[in-house]
């Protein structure tokens, strides 16, 4: 894909993560093209993390555009590089002048606010499962709807089309189930939000989904990451939560045993534009 290596060159990586970053960035370029991010647009990104999507958005908006990237996490969060390390490196790159990062910033707590239609686009990609509840996520969408002319969304799609995607889905579902009993967490999956939920929210709020579709990149490493995480940590998670019913613990363990670490594929990504 044109300009892929140019974008990746702006991102913090090492020899071990170089190939990973190429795959992750190429996938996000597919998202940006689906969303039709244009040169000169002003973008608000919620849940920017280490800046994987931020770098792609900054490339697409060009020198006349901007990306305001926000994350609730602290600068020392993240691996193999922390948010502080990754975002600082990106700011010092060729794309840096187009980006403003704000970490430890909770929009719903009122840490920051903007005038109506300050942005052309609000982007929230692979961040919906970090919210504590579906109602909290809807509150975020409602807030972004005021600040931006359109919302661009992406998340893993649990409607699998290949049995080899089952392990990715199971890893997500197992996490979502035991996370439902936690009051505090740093997990990747806290609330399970599906395309049907997004469509229902849009309908209830009288919003228009002007485009939606699936994007699949079979090389994406997330399936293996999630599957490995669950299989390695399920015993510890169950032990930590003594209040979990015994029958429920058994159910989680049974589901985990169905997760395969060989010959697995990632789920596709559900993408849409809300206006």
Protein backbone atom coordinates (compact mmCIF):
# COMPACT_ATOMS: atom_id res chain seq x y z
CA UNK A 1 0.00 0.00 0.00
CA UNK A 2 1.36 3.41 -1.02
CA UNK A 3 3.03 5.41 1.80
CA UNK A 4 2.79 2.49 4.26
CA UNK A 5 6.50 2.40 5.05
CA UNK A 6 6.61 6.21 5.24
CA UNK A 7 3.98 6.20 7.98
CA UNK A 8 5.59 3.31 9.85
CA UNK A 9 8.94 5.11 9.79
CA UNK A 10 7.39 7.78 12.03
CA UNK A 11 6.36 5.26 14.69
CA UNK A 12 8.34 3.86 17.62
CA UNK A 13 9.27 0.24 17.03
CA UNK A 14 12.16 -2.21 17.29
CA UNK A 15 13.32 -5.11 15.15
CA UNK A 16 10.90 -7.47 16.89
CA UNK A 17 7.87 -5.22 16.28
CA UNK A 18 8.70 -3.92 12.81
CA UNK A 19 6.65 -6.50 10.90
CA UNK A 20 3.83 -6.19 13.42
CA UNK A 21 3.66 -2.44 12.90
CA UNK A 22 3.53 -2.83 9.13
CA UNK A 23 0.49 -5.10 9.38
CA UNK A 24 -1.27 -2.95 11.97
CA UNK A 25 -0.66 0.25 10.02
CA UNK A 26 -1.76 -1.17 6.68
CA UNK A 27 -5.03 -2.28 8.29
CA UNK A 28 -5.63 1.19 9.68
CA UNK A 29 -4.97 2.72 6.28
CA UNK A 30 -7.84 0.58 4.99
CA UNK A 31 -10.01 2.06 7.74
CA UNK A 32 -9.04 5.63 6.89
CA UNK A 33 -9.90 5.04 3.25
CA UNK A 34 -13.24 3.48 4.17
CA UNK A 35 -14.01 6.48 6.38
CA UNK A 36 -12.87 8.80 3.58
CA UNK A 37 -10.55 10.86 5.77
CA UNK A 38 -9.57 13.81 3.59
CA UNK A 39 -6.69 16.25 3.40
CA UNK A 40 -7.31 19.38 5.44
CA UNK A 41 -9.79 17.78 7.85
CA UNK A 42 -9.61 18.33 11.59
CA UNK A 43 -9.95 15.05 13.46
CA UNK A 44 -10.66 14.21 17.10
CA UNK A 45 -9.50 10.72 18.03
CA UNK A 46 -10.76 9.12 21.23
CA UNK A 47 -8.76 6.25 22.70
CA UNK A 48 -5.57 6.92 20.76
CA UNK A 49 -3.35 4.56 22.78
CA UNK A 50 0.20 4.44 21.42
CA UNK A 51 -0.88 6.26 18.27
CA UNK A 52 -1.31 3.40 15.81
CA UNK A 53 -4.37 5.02 14.24
CA UNK A 54 -3.20 8.54 15.04
CA UNK A 55 -0.23 8.29 12.69
CA UNK A 56 -2.44 7.08 9.85
CA UNK A 57 -4.98 9.84 10.42
CA UNK A 58 -2.20 12.45 10.51
CA UNK A 59 -0.91 11.20 7.18
CA UNK A 60 -4.33 11.38 5.54
CA UNK A 61 -5.23 14.89 6.78
CA UNK A 62 -1.95 16.26 5.40
CA UNK A 63 -0.12 19.41 6.41
CA UNK A 64 -3.31 21.49 6.31
CA UNK A 65 -5.21 19.18 8.66
CA UNK A 66 -4.85 18.17 12.31
CA UNK A 67 -5.44 15.30 14.72
CA UNK A 68 -6.33 15.91 18.36
CA UNK A 69 -5.68 12.54 20.02
CA UNK A 70 -7.05 11.81 23.50
CA UNK A 71 -6.69 8.85 25.84
CA UNK A 72 -7.80 8.26 29.41
CA UNK A 73 -4.72 6.13 30.20
CA UNK A 74 -1.63 7.36 32.00
CA UNK A 75 1.64 7.97 30.12
CA UNK A 76 3.28 4.91 31.70
CA UNK A 77 0.58 2.52 30.46
CA UNK A 78 1.25 0.12 27.58
CA UNK A 79 3.71 -2.44 26.25
CA UNK A 80 6.20 -3.07 24.72
CA UNK A 81 6.38 0.73 24.66
CA UNK A 82 4.47 3.02 26.99
CA UNK A 83 2.06 5.65 25.71
CA UNK A 84 4.56 8.34 26.68
CA UNK A 85 7.39 6.73 24.71
CA UNK A 86 5.28 6.09 21.62
CA UNK A 87 3.51 9.45 21.49
CA UNK A 88 6.69 11.41 22.16
CA UNK A 89 8.44 9.60 19.31
CA UNK A 90 5.51 10.26 16.97
CA UNK A 91 5.43 13.94 17.93
CA UNK A 92 9.10 14.23 16.99
CA UNK A 93 8.51 12.66 13.57
CA UNK A 94 7.55 14.21 10.25
CA UNK A 95 3.87 13.82 11.21
CA UNK A 96 4.27 15.36 14.66
CA UNK A 97 3.33 18.94 13.81
CA UNK A 98 -0.17 17.77 12.81
CA UNK A 99 -0.84 15.96 16.10
CA UNK A 100 -1.76 17.07 19.59
CA UNK A 101 -1.81 14.34 22.25
CA UNK A 102 -3.68 14.58 25.56
CA UNK A 103 -3.21 11.61 27.88
CA UNK A 104 -4.89 11.07 31.25
CA UNK A 105 -7.85 12.97 29.86
CA UNK A 106 -11.37 11.77 30.62
CA UNK A 107 -13.91 13.37 28.30
CA UNK A 108 -16.91 12.04 30.22
CA UNK A 109 -15.52 13.42 33.48
CA UNK A 110 -15.37 16.85 31.86
CA UNK A 111 -11.58 17.13 31.60
CA UNK A 112 -11.95 18.75 28.19
CA UNK A 113 -14.71 20.20 26.05
CA UNK A 114 -15.12 21.73 22.61
CA UNK A 115 -17.57 23.96 20.78
CA UNK A 116 -20.15 22.37 18.49
CA UNK A 117 -18.73 21.12 15.18
CA UNK A 118 -15.15 21.97 16.14
CA UNK A 119 -14.04 18.88 14.21
CA UNK A 120 -14.85 17.46 10.82
CA UNK A 121 -14.45 13.94 12.14
CA UNK A 122 -14.41 12.10 15.46
CA UNK A 123 -12.72 8.70 15.31
CA UNK A 124 -13.19 5.91 17.81
CA UNK A 125 -11.51 2.70 16.68
CA UNK A 126 -10.89 -0.44 18.72
CA UNK A 127 -11.81 1.49 21.87
CA UNK A 128 -15.49 0.67 22.45
CA UNK A 129 -14.75 -2.43 24.53
CA UNK A 130 -12.71 -0.32 26.99
CA UNK A 131 -15.86 1.41 28.26
CA UNK A 132 -17.32 0.13 31.53
CA UNK A 133 -20.91 -0.08 30.21
CA UNK A 134 -22.86 0.31 27.01
CA UNK A 135 -24.59 3.37 28.43
CA UNK A 136 -21.21 4.98 29.08
CA UNK A 137 -20.22 4.33 25.48
CA UNK A 138 -23.49 5.84 24.24
CA UNK A 139 -22.75 8.91 26.36
CA UNK A 140 -19.40 9.21 24.58
CA UNK A 141 -21.01 8.92 21.14
CA UNK A 142 -23.58 11.56 22.10
CA UNK A 143 -20.81 13.92 23.21
CA UNK A 144 -18.75 13.35 20.06
CA UNK A 145 -21.85 13.90 17.92
CA UNK A 146 -21.97 17.49 19.20
CA UNK A 147 -18.30 18.19 18.57
CA UNK A 148 -17.88 16.61 15.14
CA UNK A 149 -19.79 16.54 11.85
CA UNK A 150 -19.42 12.76 11.58
CA UNK A 151 -18.23 9.87 13.73
CA UNK A 152 -16.03 7.17 12.25
CA UNK A 153 -16.15 3.87 14.15
CA UNK A 154 -14.34 0.53 14.01
CA UNK A 155 -14.40 -2.53 16.25
CA UNK A 156 -13.96 -6.29 15.88
CA UNK A 157 -17.03 -7.96 14.40
CA UNK A 158 -18.19 -11.07 16.32
CA UNK A 159 -20.18 -12.28 13.30
CA UNK A 160 -17.51 -14.75 12.20
CA UNK A 161 -17.42 -16.26 8.73
CA UNK A 162 -14.65 -18.81 9.27
CA UNK A 163 -14.36 -21.38 12.07
CA UNK A 164 -10.73 -20.37 12.55
CA UNK A 165 -11.96 -16.99 13.88
CA UNK A 166 -13.72 -18.76 16.74
CA UNK A 167 -10.74 -18.59 19.09
CA UNK A 168 -10.50 -14.81 18.75
CA UNK A 169 -14.22 -14.51 19.51
CA UNK A 170 -14.05 -16.91 22.46
CA UNK A 171 -11.09 -15.05 23.95
CA UNK A 172 -13.07 -11.82 23.81
CA UNK A 173 -16.23 -13.39 25.27
CA UNK A 174 -14.37 -15.05 28.15
CA UNK A 175 -12.77 -11.74 29.09
CA UNK A 176 -16.06 -9.86 28.83
CA UNK A 177 -17.73 -12.39 31.13
CA UNK A 178 -15.25 -12.27 33.99
CA UNK A 179 -14.72 -8.52 33.58
CA UNK A 180 -18.44 -8.00 34.22
CA UNK A 181 -17.77 -8.76 37.89
CA UNK A 182 -14.94 -6.25 38.33
CA UNK A 183 -15.18 -2.68 39.59
CA UNK A 184 -11.63 -1.78 38.51
CA UNK A 185 -9.65 -3.20 35.61
CA UNK A 186 -7.04 -2.56 32.93
CA UNK A 187 -8.32 -5.24 30.58
CA UNK A 188 -8.65 -4.83 26.81
CA UNK A 189 -12.24 -6.10 26.98
CA UNK A 190 -14.59 -4.64 29.59
CA UNK A 191 -17.88 -4.32 27.71
CA UNK A 192 -18.90 -6.37 24.69
CA UNK A 193 -20.37 -4.02 22.07
CA UNK A 194 -21.50 -5.43 18.71
CA UNK A 195 -22.47 -3.92 15.34
CA UNK A 196 -26.11 -4.52 16.28
CA UNK A 197 -25.59 -2.37 19.40
CA UNK A 198 -24.16 0.46 17.29
CA UNK A 199 -27.05 0.23 14.85
CA UNK A 200 -29.56 0.22 17.71
CA UNK A 201 -27.94 3.23 19.37
CA UNK A 202 -27.99 5.15 16.10
CA UNK A 203 -31.65 4.33 15.52
CA UNK A 204 -32.68 5.30 19.06
CA UNK A 205 -30.83 8.63 18.80
CA UNK A 206 -32.15 9.31 15.28
CA UNK A 207 -28.63 9.32 13.84
CA UNK A 208 -27.85 8.19 10.29
CA UNK A 209 -25.32 5.48 9.51
CA UNK A 210 -24.26 6.72 6.10
CA UNK A 211 -21.91 3.83 5.37
CA UNK A 212 -20.97 0.55 7.01
CA UNK A 213 -19.01 -2.53 6.07
CA UNK A 214 -16.42 -5.12 7.04
CA UNK A 215 -12.68 -4.88 6.59
CA UNK A 216 -10.58 -7.98 7.11
CA UNK A 217 -6.83 -8.30 7.30
CA UNK A 218 -5.95 -11.93 7.92
CA UNK A 219 -2.40 -11.10 9.06
CA UNK A 220 -3.61 -9.04 12.05
CA UNK A 221 -1.95 -10.43 15.17
CA UNK A 222 -4.73 -9.52 17.63
CA UNK A 223 -6.39 -12.95 17.55
CA UNK A 224 -3.24 -14.65 18.77
CA UNK A 225 -2.60 -11.93 21.38
CA UNK A 226 -6.08 -12.22 22.87
CA UNK A 227 -6.17 -16.02 22.72
CA UNK A 228 -2.76 -16.32 24.38
CA UNK A 229 -3.68 -13.80 27.06
CA UNK A 230 -6.82 -15.64 28.08
CA UNK A 231 -5.30 -19.13 28.10
CA UNK A 232 -2.32 -17.94 30.14
CA UNK A 233 -4.30 -15.85 32.64
CA UNK A 234 -7.67 -17.55 33.12
CA UNK A 235 -6.60 -19.50 36.22
CA UNK A 236 -5.29 -16.34 37.89
CA UNK A 237 -8.39 -14.36 36.96
CA UNK A 238 -10.68 -16.99 38.45
CA UNK A 239 -8.57 -17.28 41.60
CA UNK A 240 -8.67 -13.50 42.15
CA UNK A 241 -12.46 -13.39 42.01
CA UNK A 242 -13.53 -15.60 44.90
CA UNK A 243 -17.14 -14.40 44.67
CA UNK A 244 -17.66 -15.97 41.25
CA UNK A 245 -20.08 -18.91 41.44
CA UNK A 246 -18.37 -22.27 41.05
CA UNK A 247 -20.58 -23.18 38.10
CA UNK A 248 -19.64 -19.95 36.35
CA UNK A 249 -15.93 -20.58 36.91
CA UNK A 250 -16.36 -24.00 35.35
CA UNK A 251 -18.11 -22.44 32.37
CA UNK A 252 -15.24 -20.00 31.83
CA UNK A 253 -12.68 -22.80 31.99
CA UNK A 254 -14.67 -24.91 29.54
CA UNK A 255 -14.88 -22.04 27.06
CA UNK A 256 -11.16 -21.36 27.45
CA UNK A 257 -10.35 -25.00 26.61
CA UNK A 258 -12.02 -24.45 23.22
CA UNK A 259 -9.53 -21.69 22.36
CA UNK A 260 -6.92 -22.86 19.85
CA UNK A 261 -3.52 -21.21 19.51
CA UNK A 262 -2.74 -22.84 16.18
CA UNK A 263 -4.36 -22.11 12.83
CA UNK A 264 -6.43 -19.20 14.08
CA UNK A 265 -7.60 -16.11 12.23
CA UNK A 266 -8.68 -12.67 13.46
CA UNK A 267 -12.24 -11.48 13.29
CA UNK A 268 -13.04 -8.89 10.67
CA UNK A 269 -13.56 -5.25 11.61
CA UNK A 270 -16.99 -3.65 11.52
CA UNK A 271 -16.66 -0.07 10.27
CA UNK A 272 -19.26 2.64 9.96
CA UNK A 273 -19.75 6.38 9.59
CA UNK A 274 -22.41 8.07 11.73
CA UNK A 275 -23.69 11.51 10.74
